[in-house]
N, C-alpha and C. Protein backbone atom coordinates (compact mmCIF):
# COMPACT_ATOMS: atom_id res chain seq x y z
N MET A 1 6.15 -17.28 5.89
CA MET A 1 6.16 -17.96 4.61
C MET A 1 5.63 -17.05 3.52
N LEU A 2 4.55 -16.32 3.82
CA LEU A 2 3.98 -15.42 2.83
C LEU A 2 4.97 -14.32 2.45
N THR A 3 5.67 -13.78 3.45
CA THR A 3 6.67 -12.74 3.16
C THR A 3 7.76 -13.28 2.26
N SER A 4 8.21 -14.50 2.49
CA SER A 4 9.24 -15.11 1.64
C SER A 4 8.75 -15.29 0.21
N LEU A 5 7.51 -15.72 0.06
CA LEU A 5 6.95 -15.91 -1.27
C LEU A 5 6.83 -14.57 -2.01
N ILE A 6 6.34 -13.55 -1.31
CA ILE A 6 6.23 -12.23 -1.92
C ILE A 6 7.61 -11.73 -2.33
N ASN A 7 8.59 -11.86 -1.45
CA ASN A 7 9.95 -11.40 -1.77
C ASN A 7 10.52 -12.15 -2.96
N HIS A 8 10.30 -13.46 -3.02
CA HIS A 8 10.82 -14.25 -4.14
C HIS A 8 10.21 -13.79 -5.46
N GLU A 9 8.90 -13.62 -5.48
CA GLU A 9 8.23 -13.20 -6.72
C GLU A 9 8.66 -11.80 -7.12
N TYR A 10 8.85 -10.91 -6.15
CA TYR A 10 9.32 -9.58 -6.47
C TYR A 10 10.74 -9.63 -7.04
N GLN A 11 11.61 -10.45 -6.46
CA GLN A 11 12.97 -10.56 -6.97
C GLN A 11 12.97 -11.06 -8.40
N HIS A 12 12.10 -12.01 -8.71
CA HIS A 12 12.00 -12.51 -10.08
C HIS A 12 11.55 -11.38 -11.01
N ASP A 13 10.54 -10.63 -10.61
CA ASP A 13 10.06 -9.51 -11.41
C ASP A 13 11.15 -8.46 -11.60
N GLN A 14 11.89 -8.19 -10.54
CA GLN A 14 12.98 -7.21 -10.62
C GLN A 14 14.05 -7.68 -11.60
N TRP A 15 14.39 -8.95 -11.56
CA TRP A 15 15.40 -9.49 -12.47
C TRP A 15 14.94 -9.36 -13.92
N ILE A 16 13.68 -9.69 -14.19
CA ILE A 16 13.13 -9.55 -15.54
C ILE A 16 13.19 -8.09 -15.98
N SER A 17 12.84 -7.17 -15.09
CA SER A 17 12.89 -5.74 -15.42
C SER A 17 14.31 -5.30 -15.75
N GLU A 18 15.28 -5.79 -14.98
CA GLU A 18 16.68 -5.43 -15.23
C GLU A 18 17.14 -5.97 -16.58
N VAL A 19 16.75 -7.18 -16.93
CA VAL A 19 17.11 -7.76 -18.23
C VAL A 19 16.51 -6.92 -19.35
N ARG A 20 15.24 -6.55 -19.20
CA ARG A 20 14.59 -5.72 -20.22
C ARG A 20 15.26 -4.37 -20.34
N ALA A 21 15.65 -3.79 -19.21
CA ALA A 21 16.30 -2.48 -19.23
C ALA A 21 17.66 -2.57 -19.93
N ASP A 22 18.42 -3.63 -19.61
CA ASP A 22 19.75 -3.77 -20.20
C ASP A 22 19.70 -4.12 -21.68
N ASN A 23 18.76 -4.98 -22.07
CA ASN A 23 18.72 -5.48 -23.44
C ASN A 23 17.81 -4.69 -24.37
N LEU A 24 16.77 -4.08 -23.82
CA LEU A 24 15.79 -3.38 -24.67
C LEU A 24 15.74 -1.88 -24.43
N GLY A 25 16.47 -1.40 -23.44
CA GLY A 25 16.54 0.04 -23.19
C GLY A 25 15.34 0.62 -22.46
N HIS A 26 14.50 -0.22 -21.85
CA HIS A 26 13.37 0.29 -21.08
C HIS A 26 13.87 0.76 -19.71
N ALA A 27 13.43 1.94 -19.30
CA ALA A 27 13.84 2.47 -18.00
C ALA A 27 13.13 1.72 -16.88
N LEU A 28 13.84 1.48 -15.78
CA LEU A 28 13.22 0.86 -14.60
C LEU A 28 12.36 1.88 -13.88
N PRO A 29 11.21 1.48 -13.36
CA PRO A 29 10.38 2.43 -12.60
C PRO A 29 11.06 2.76 -11.27
N PRO A 30 10.70 3.89 -10.68
CA PRO A 30 11.29 4.23 -9.37
C PRO A 30 10.79 3.26 -8.30
N ASP A 31 11.57 3.14 -7.24
CA ASP A 31 11.17 2.29 -6.11
C ASP A 31 9.92 2.87 -5.44
N PRO A 32 9.02 2.01 -4.97
CA PRO A 32 7.88 2.51 -4.20
C PRO A 32 8.37 3.08 -2.88
N ASP A 33 7.62 4.02 -2.34
CA ASP A 33 8.00 4.68 -1.10
C ASP A 33 7.17 4.10 0.05
N SER A 34 7.82 3.34 0.93
CA SER A 34 7.14 2.74 2.08
C SER A 34 8.15 2.43 3.17
N ASP A 35 7.73 2.60 4.41
CA ASP A 35 8.59 2.25 5.55
C ASP A 35 8.72 0.74 5.71
N LEU A 36 7.84 -0.03 5.04
CA LEU A 36 7.87 -1.49 5.16
C LEU A 36 8.77 -2.15 4.13
N LEU A 37 9.45 -1.35 3.30
CA LEU A 37 10.32 -1.89 2.26
C LEU A 37 11.76 -1.53 2.56
N GLY A 38 12.65 -2.42 2.19
CA GLY A 38 14.07 -2.18 2.34
C GLY A 38 14.84 -2.90 1.25
N ARG A 39 16.13 -2.62 1.13
CA ARG A 39 16.97 -3.27 0.14
C ARG A 39 17.82 -4.34 0.81
N HIS A 40 17.87 -5.50 0.17
CA HIS A 40 18.70 -6.61 0.65
C HIS A 40 19.35 -7.23 -0.57
N ASP A 41 20.68 -7.23 -0.60
CA ASP A 41 21.43 -7.76 -1.75
C ASP A 41 20.98 -7.13 -3.05
N GLY A 42 20.65 -5.84 -3.00
CA GLY A 42 20.26 -5.12 -4.20
C GLY A 42 18.80 -5.24 -4.58
N TYR A 43 18.04 -6.05 -3.84
CA TYR A 43 16.62 -6.24 -4.14
C TYR A 43 15.76 -5.54 -3.10
N LEU A 44 14.65 -4.99 -3.55
CA LEU A 44 13.67 -4.38 -2.67
C LEU A 44 12.86 -5.51 -2.03
N VAL A 45 12.80 -5.53 -0.71
CA VAL A 45 12.09 -6.61 -0.01
C VAL A 45 11.11 -6.03 1.01
N CYS A 46 10.06 -6.80 1.27
CA CYS A 46 9.06 -6.44 2.28
C CYS A 46 9.62 -6.82 3.65
N ASN A 47 9.64 -5.87 4.58
CA ASN A 47 10.14 -6.13 5.92
C ASN A 47 9.17 -5.52 6.92
N PRO A 48 8.12 -6.26 7.29
CA PRO A 48 7.12 -5.69 8.21
C PRO A 48 7.63 -5.44 9.62
N TRP A 49 8.81 -5.93 9.98
CA TRP A 49 9.35 -5.75 11.32
C TRP A 49 10.32 -4.60 11.41
N ALA A 50 10.46 -3.84 10.34
CA ALA A 50 11.42 -2.72 10.34
C ALA A 50 10.91 -1.56 11.17
């Protein structure tokens, strides 16, 4: 449940960042570097079982 909540909040933050980048010209920060992160449907998600 905690992983789902973290992923949901991150996806919301990512969406807001994309809107700001598209509408205001702010560059998106680079993805964090971790073996526990992966991309799913274009979103960076926490995957502790990877």
